[in-house]
Amino acid sequence: MSVTVILEAQVKQENKVKLLQLLRSYLPETYEFKGFTDITIYSEENTEVVLFISKWQSFSDYQLYLQWRTDTGVMAILGALLTSPPRIRQLETEISFAVEKCDE
């Protein structure tokens, strides 16, 4: 069963652009990591909130990924841009439904 991981970060307003630039450079490596399926990053306008919503084959895959990012120093670089430690939530997929639209 797949899992969705939501990471909510509070980013210093003056660092939001820098954070997003760094993420663009790091994400190609994420796509290659075992168990990774998908990620979308959202920022809330006029706030310090940035949400990372990612999908993984298992939460243990995500934990290994997070440990790798910590070991390589990336988490320290990103963490310096935040106002507090991020909040991480794990959600099990219970029901998934998508509608495909096609142009006629």
N, C-alpha and C. Protein backbone atom coordinates (compact mmCIF):
# COMPACT_ATOMS: atom_id res chain seq x y z
N MET A 1 0.84 -1.17 0.00
CA MET A 1 0.00 0.00 0.00
C MET A 1 0.89 1.24 0.00
N SER A 2 0.57 2.21 -0.80
CA SER A 2 1.37 3.43 -0.87
C SER A 2 1.04 4.35 0.30
N VAL A 3 1.96 5.29 0.55
CA VAL A 3 1.74 6.28 1.59
C VAL A 3 1.97 7.66 1.00
N THR A 4 1.27 8.61 1.58
CA THR A 4 1.47 10.01 1.26
C THR A 4 2.13 10.65 2.47
N VAL A 5 3.18 11.39 2.23
CA VAL A 5 3.88 12.09 3.30
C VAL A 5 3.68 13.58 3.09
N ILE A 6 3.20 14.24 4.13
CA ILE A 6 3.03 15.69 4.09
C ILE A 6 4.04 16.30 5.04
N LEU A 7 4.91 17.11 4.49
CA LEU A 7 5.88 17.83 5.29
C LEU A 7 5.49 19.30 5.23
N GLU A 8 5.22 19.88 6.39
CA GLU A 8 4.87 21.29 6.46
C GLU A 8 6.03 22.06 7.07
N ALA A 9 6.52 23.02 6.33
CA ALA A 9 7.66 23.81 6.79
C ALA A 9 7.26 25.27 6.91
N GLN A 10 7.81 25.91 7.92
CA GLN A 10 7.67 27.35 8.09
C GLN A 10 8.99 27.96 7.64
N VAL A 11 8.95 28.70 6.56
CA VAL A 11 10.16 29.25 5.94
C VAL A 11 10.24 30.74 6.24
N LYS A 12 11.43 31.18 6.61
CA LYS A 12 11.63 32.61 6.78
C LYS A 12 11.25 33.28 5.46
N GLN A 13 10.38 34.27 5.51
CA GLN A 13 9.85 34.89 4.30
C GLN A 13 10.96 35.30 3.33
N GLU A 14 12.05 35.83 3.85
CA GLU A 14 13.13 36.27 2.97
C GLU A 14 13.89 35.10 2.35
N ASN A 15 13.65 33.88 2.82
CA ASN A 15 14.34 32.70 2.30
C ASN A 15 13.49 31.81 1.41
N LYS A 16 12.24 32.18 1.19
CA LYS A 16 11.32 31.31 0.43
C LYS A 16 11.83 31.07 -0.99
N VAL A 17 12.24 32.11 -1.68
CA VAL A 17 12.73 31.97 -3.06
C VAL A 17 13.98 31.09 -3.09
N LYS A 18 14.89 31.30 -2.16
CA LYS A 18 16.11 30.50 -2.10
C LYS A 18 15.79 29.04 -1.84
N LEU A 19 14.85 28.77 -0.92
CA LEU A 19 14.44 27.39 -0.64
C LEU A 19 13.92 26.71 -1.90
N LEU A 20 13.04 27.38 -2.62
CA LEU A 20 12.46 26.79 -3.83
C LEU A 20 13.52 26.56 -4.90
N GLN A 21 14.49 27.46 -5.01
CA GLN A 21 15.59 27.26 -5.97
C GLN A 21 16.41 26.03 -5.59
N LEU A 22 16.74 25.89 -4.31
CA LEU A 22 17.50 24.71 -3.87
C LEU A 22 16.71 23.42 -4.13
N LEU A 23 15.43 23.45 -3.85
CA LEU A 23 14.62 22.25 -4.06
C LEU A 23 14.62 21.84 -5.53
N ARG A 24 14.56 22.81 -6.42
CA ARG A 24 14.62 22.49 -7.86
C ARG A 24 15.92 21.78 -8.22
N SER A 25 16.99 22.14 -7.54
CA SER A 25 18.27 21.49 -7.84
C SER A 25 18.38 20.11 -7.19
N TYR A 26 17.71 19.90 -6.06
CA TYR A 26 17.79 18.61 -5.37
C TYR A 26 16.78 17.57 -5.87
N LEU A 27 15.67 18.01 -6.42
CA LEU A 27 14.61 17.08 -6.78
C LEU A 27 14.98 16.02 -7.82
N PRO A 28 15.82 16.31 -8.80
CA PRO A 28 16.18 15.24 -9.74
C PRO A 28 16.76 14.00 -9.04
N GLU A 29 17.51 14.18 -7.96
CA GLU A 29 18.02 13.03 -7.21
C GLU A 29 16.90 12.29 -6.49
N THR A 30 15.90 13.03 -6.05
CA THR A 30 14.76 12.42 -5.36
C THR A 30 14.04 11.45 -6.29
N TYR A 31 13.90 11.82 -7.55
CA TYR A 31 13.19 10.98 -8.52
C TYR A 31 13.83 9.62 -8.69
N GLU A 32 15.11 9.53 -8.39
CA GLU A 32 15.84 8.27 -8.55
C GLU A 32 15.81 7.39 -7.31
N PHE A 33 15.29 7.92 -6.20
CA PHE A 33 15.37 7.19 -4.94
C PHE A 33 14.36 6.05 -4.88
N LYS A 34 14.78 4.93 -4.31
CA LYS A 34 13.94 3.73 -4.20
C LYS A 34 12.63 4.06 -3.46
N GLY A 35 11.53 3.65 -4.05
CA GLY A 35 10.23 3.80 -3.42
C GLY A 35 9.53 5.12 -3.68
N PHE A 36 10.24 6.08 -4.29
CA PHE A 36 9.65 7.38 -4.57
C PHE A 36 8.66 7.26 -5.72
N THR A 37 7.51 7.94 -5.59
CA THR A 37 6.50 7.94 -6.64
C THR A 37 6.26 9.34 -7.21
N ASP A 38 6.07 10.32 -6.31
CA ASP A 38 5.64 11.63 -6.79
C ASP A 38 5.85 12.67 -5.69
N ILE A 39 6.06 13.92 -6.09
CA ILE A 39 6.10 15.02 -5.12
C ILE A 39 5.55 16.28 -5.78
N THR A 40 4.81 17.04 -4.98
CA THR A 40 4.35 18.37 -5.37
C THR A 40 4.63 19.28 -4.19
N ILE A 41 5.15 20.46 -4.48
CA ILE A 41 5.47 21.41 -3.43
C ILE A 41 4.59 22.64 -3.63
N TYR A 42 3.94 23.04 -2.55
CA TYR A 42 3.03 24.18 -2.58
C TYR A 42 3.54 25.24 -1.61
N SER A 43 3.32 26.51 -1.94
CA SER A 43 3.57 27.56 -0.97
C SER A 43 2.31 28.39 -0.86
N GLU A 44 2.06 28.81 0.36
CA GLU A 44 0.88 29.62 0.62
C GLU A 44 1.27 31.08 0.50
N GLU A 45 0.56 31.80 -0.35
CA GLU A 45 0.90 33.20 -0.62
C GLU A 45 0.81 34.04 0.64
N ASN A 46 1.77 34.93 0.78
CA ASN A 46 1.83 35.87 1.90
C ASN A 46 1.96 35.21 3.27
N THR A 47 2.46 33.97 3.29
CA THR A 47 2.73 33.31 4.56
C THR A 47 4.10 32.65 4.47
N GLU A 48 4.50 32.03 5.55
CA GLU A 48 5.77 31.32 5.58
C GLU A 48 5.59 29.83 5.34
N VAL A 49 4.39 29.40 4.99
CA VAL A 49 4.08 27.97 4.87
C VAL A 49 4.48 27.42 3.50
N VAL A 50 5.22 26.31 3.53
CA VAL A 50 5.52 25.54 2.32
C VAL A 50 5.16 24.09 2.63
N LEU A 51 4.34 23.48 1.76
CA LEU A 51 3.92 22.10 1.93
C LEU A 51 4.56 21.21 0.88
N PHE A 52 5.11 20.10 1.33
CA PHE A 52 5.67 19.08 0.46
C PHE A 52 4.71 17.89 0.54
N ILE A 53 4.10 17.54 -0.54
CA ILE A 53 3.22 16.37 -0.54
C ILE A 53 3.84 15.36 -1.48
N SER A 54 4.32 14.27 -0.88
CA SER A 54 5.01 13.25 -1.67
C SER A 54 4.35 11.90 -1.47
N LYS A 55 4.54 11.04 -2.47
CA LYS A 55 4.00 9.68 -2.42
C LYS A 55 5.16 8.70 -2.50
N TRP A 56 5.07 7.68 -1.66
CA TRP A 56 6.11 6.67 -1.54
C TRP A 56 5.47 5.30 -1.51
N GLN A 57 6.23 4.30 -1.92
CA GLN A 57 5.71 2.93 -1.86
C GLN A 57 5.53 2.48 -0.42
N SER A 58 6.37 3.00 0.49
CA SER A 58 6.22 2.69 1.92
C SER A 58 6.82 3.83 2.73
N PHE A 59 6.42 3.94 3.98
CA PHE A 59 6.97 4.97 4.83
C PHE A 59 8.44 4.69 5.14
N SER A 60 8.80 3.42 5.19
CA SER A 60 10.21 3.09 5.44
C SER A 60 11.09 3.58 4.29
N ASP A 61 10.58 3.57 3.04
CA ASP A 61 11.33 4.15 1.92
C ASP A 61 11.56 5.64 2.16
N TYR A 62 10.53 6.33 2.63
CA TYR A 62 10.66 7.75 2.91
C TYR A 62 11.67 7.99 4.02
N GLN A 63 11.62 7.18 5.07
CA GLN A 63 12.55 7.33 6.17
C GLN A 63 14.01 7.14 5.72
N LEU A 64 14.23 6.17 4.84
CA LEU A 64 15.57 5.97 4.29
C LEU A 64 16.01 7.18 3.47
N TYR A 65 15.09 7.72 2.70
CA TYR A 65 15.37 8.92 1.91
C TYR A 65 15.73 10.09 2.82
N LEU A 66 14.94 10.30 3.87
CA LEU A 66 15.19 11.39 4.79
C LEU A 66 16.55 11.23 5.48
N GLN A 67 16.89 10.00 5.84
CA GLN A 67 18.19 9.75 6.46
C GLN A 67 19.32 10.05 5.49
N TRP A 68 19.14 9.65 4.23
CA TRP A 68 20.15 9.93 3.21
C TRP A 68 20.34 11.44 3.04
N ARG A 69 19.23 12.18 2.98
CA ARG A 69 19.32 13.63 2.85
C ARG A 69 20.00 14.25 4.07
N THR A 70 19.78 13.68 5.24
CA THR A 70 20.44 14.16 6.45
C THR A 70 21.93 13.86 6.39
N ASP A 71 22.28 12.62 6.02
CA ASP A 71 23.68 12.21 5.96
C ASP A 71 24.49 13.02 4.95
N THR A 72 23.86 13.43 3.87
CA THR A 72 24.56 14.18 2.83
C THR A 72 24.61 15.69 3.10
N GLY A 73 23.98 16.14 4.20
CA GLY A 73 24.02 17.55 4.59
C GLY A 73 22.92 18.42 4.01
N VAL A 74 22.09 17.86 3.16
CA VAL A 74 21.03 18.66 2.53
C VAL A 74 20.03 19.16 3.56
N MET A 75 19.67 18.32 4.53
CA MET A 75 18.69 18.74 5.53
C MET A 75 19.20 19.91 6.35
N ALA A 76 20.49 19.95 6.64
CA ALA A 76 21.06 21.07 7.39
C ALA A 76 20.98 22.36 6.57
N ILE A 77 21.25 22.26 5.28
CA ILE A 77 21.19 23.43 4.39
C ILE A 77 19.76 23.97 4.33
N LEU A 78 18.80 23.06 4.11
CA LEU A 78 17.40 23.48 4.03
C LEU A 78 16.89 23.95 5.39
N GLY A 79 17.28 23.24 6.44
CA GLY A 79 16.81 23.58 7.78
C GLY A 79 17.21 24.97 8.22
N ALA A 80 18.34 25.46 7.73
CA ALA A 80 18.80 26.80 8.08
C ALA A 80 17.88 27.88 7.52
N LEU A 81 17.05 27.52 6.56
CA LEU A 81 16.13 28.48 5.95
C LEU A 81 14.77 28.51 6.64
N LEU A 82 14.56 27.59 7.58
CA LEU A 82 13.26 27.46 8.24
C LEU A 82 13.23 28.20 9.56
N THR A 83 12.02 28.49 10.03
CA THR A 83 11.86 29.16 11.33
C THR A 83 11.73 28.15 12.46
N SER A 84 11.41 26.89 12.13
CA SER A 84 11.26 25.83 13.13
C SER A 84 11.38 24.49 12.42
N PRO A 85 11.56 23.40 13.18
CA PRO A 85 11.62 22.08 12.52
C PRO A 85 10.32 21.79 11.78
N PRO A 86 10.41 21.11 10.64
CA PRO A 86 9.19 20.81 9.88
C PRO A 86 8.33 19.78 10.60
N ARG A 87 7.07 19.79 10.28
CA ARG A 87 6.12 18.80 10.79
C ARG A 87 5.89 17.78 9.68
N ILE A 88 6.03 16.49 10.01
CA ILE A 88 5.87 15.43 9.02
C ILE A 88 4.70 14.55 9.42
N ARG A 89 3.80 14.31 8.45
CA ARG A 89 2.65 13.43 8.68
C ARG A 89 2.66 12.33 7.64
N GLN A 90 2.28 11.15 8.07
CA GLN A 90 2.21 9.98 7.19
C GLN A 90 0.74 9.60 7.04
N LEU A 91 0.30 9.48 5.79
CA LEU A 91 -1.09 9.11 5.51
C LEU A 91 -1.12 7.86 4.64
N GLU A 92 -1.83 6.85 5.10
CA GLU A 92 -2.01 5.64 4.31
C GLU A 92 -3.08 5.89 3.26
N THR A 93 -2.89 5.39 2.06
CA THR A 93 -3.88 5.54 1.00
C THR A 93 -5.01 4.54 1.25
N GLU A 94 -6.20 5.04 1.43
CA GLU A 94 -7.37 4.19 1.64
C GLU A 94 -8.18 4.07 0.35
N ILE A 95 -8.41 5.19 -0.29
CA ILE A 95 -9.16 5.22 -1.54
C ILE A 95 -8.48 6.22 -2.46
N SER A 96 -8.30 5.86 -3.71
CA SER A 96 -7.72 6.77 -4.69
C SER A 96 -8.62 6.77 -5.93
N PHE A 97 -8.96 7.94 -6.39
CA PHE A 97 -9.84 8.06 -7.55
C PHE A 97 -9.38 9.24 -8.37
N ALA A 98 -9.21 9.05 -9.64
CA ALA A 98 -8.80 10.15 -10.53
C ALA A 98 -9.69 10.16 -11.75
N VAL A 99 -9.96 11.32 -12.23
CA VAL A 99 -10.76 11.49 -13.43
C VAL A 99 -9.83 11.99 -14.53
N GLU A 100 -9.82 11.28 -15.63
CA GLU A 100 -9.03 11.72 -16.77
C GLU A 100 -9.94 12.45 -17.74
N LYS A 101 -9.51 13.62 -18.13
CA LYS A 101 -10.28 14.41 -19.09
C LYS A 101 -9.51 14.46 -20.39
N CYS A 102 -10.21 14.38 -21.47
CA CYS A 102 -9.54 14.50 -22.77
C CYS A 102 -10.25 15.58 -23.58
N ASP A 103 -9.45 16.28 -24.36
CA ASP A 103 -9.99 17.32 -25.21
C ASP A 103 -10.68 16.70 -26.41
N GLU A 104 -11.80 17.24 -26.76
CA GLU A 104 -12.53 16.72 -27.93
C GLU A 104 -12.44 17.69 -29.08
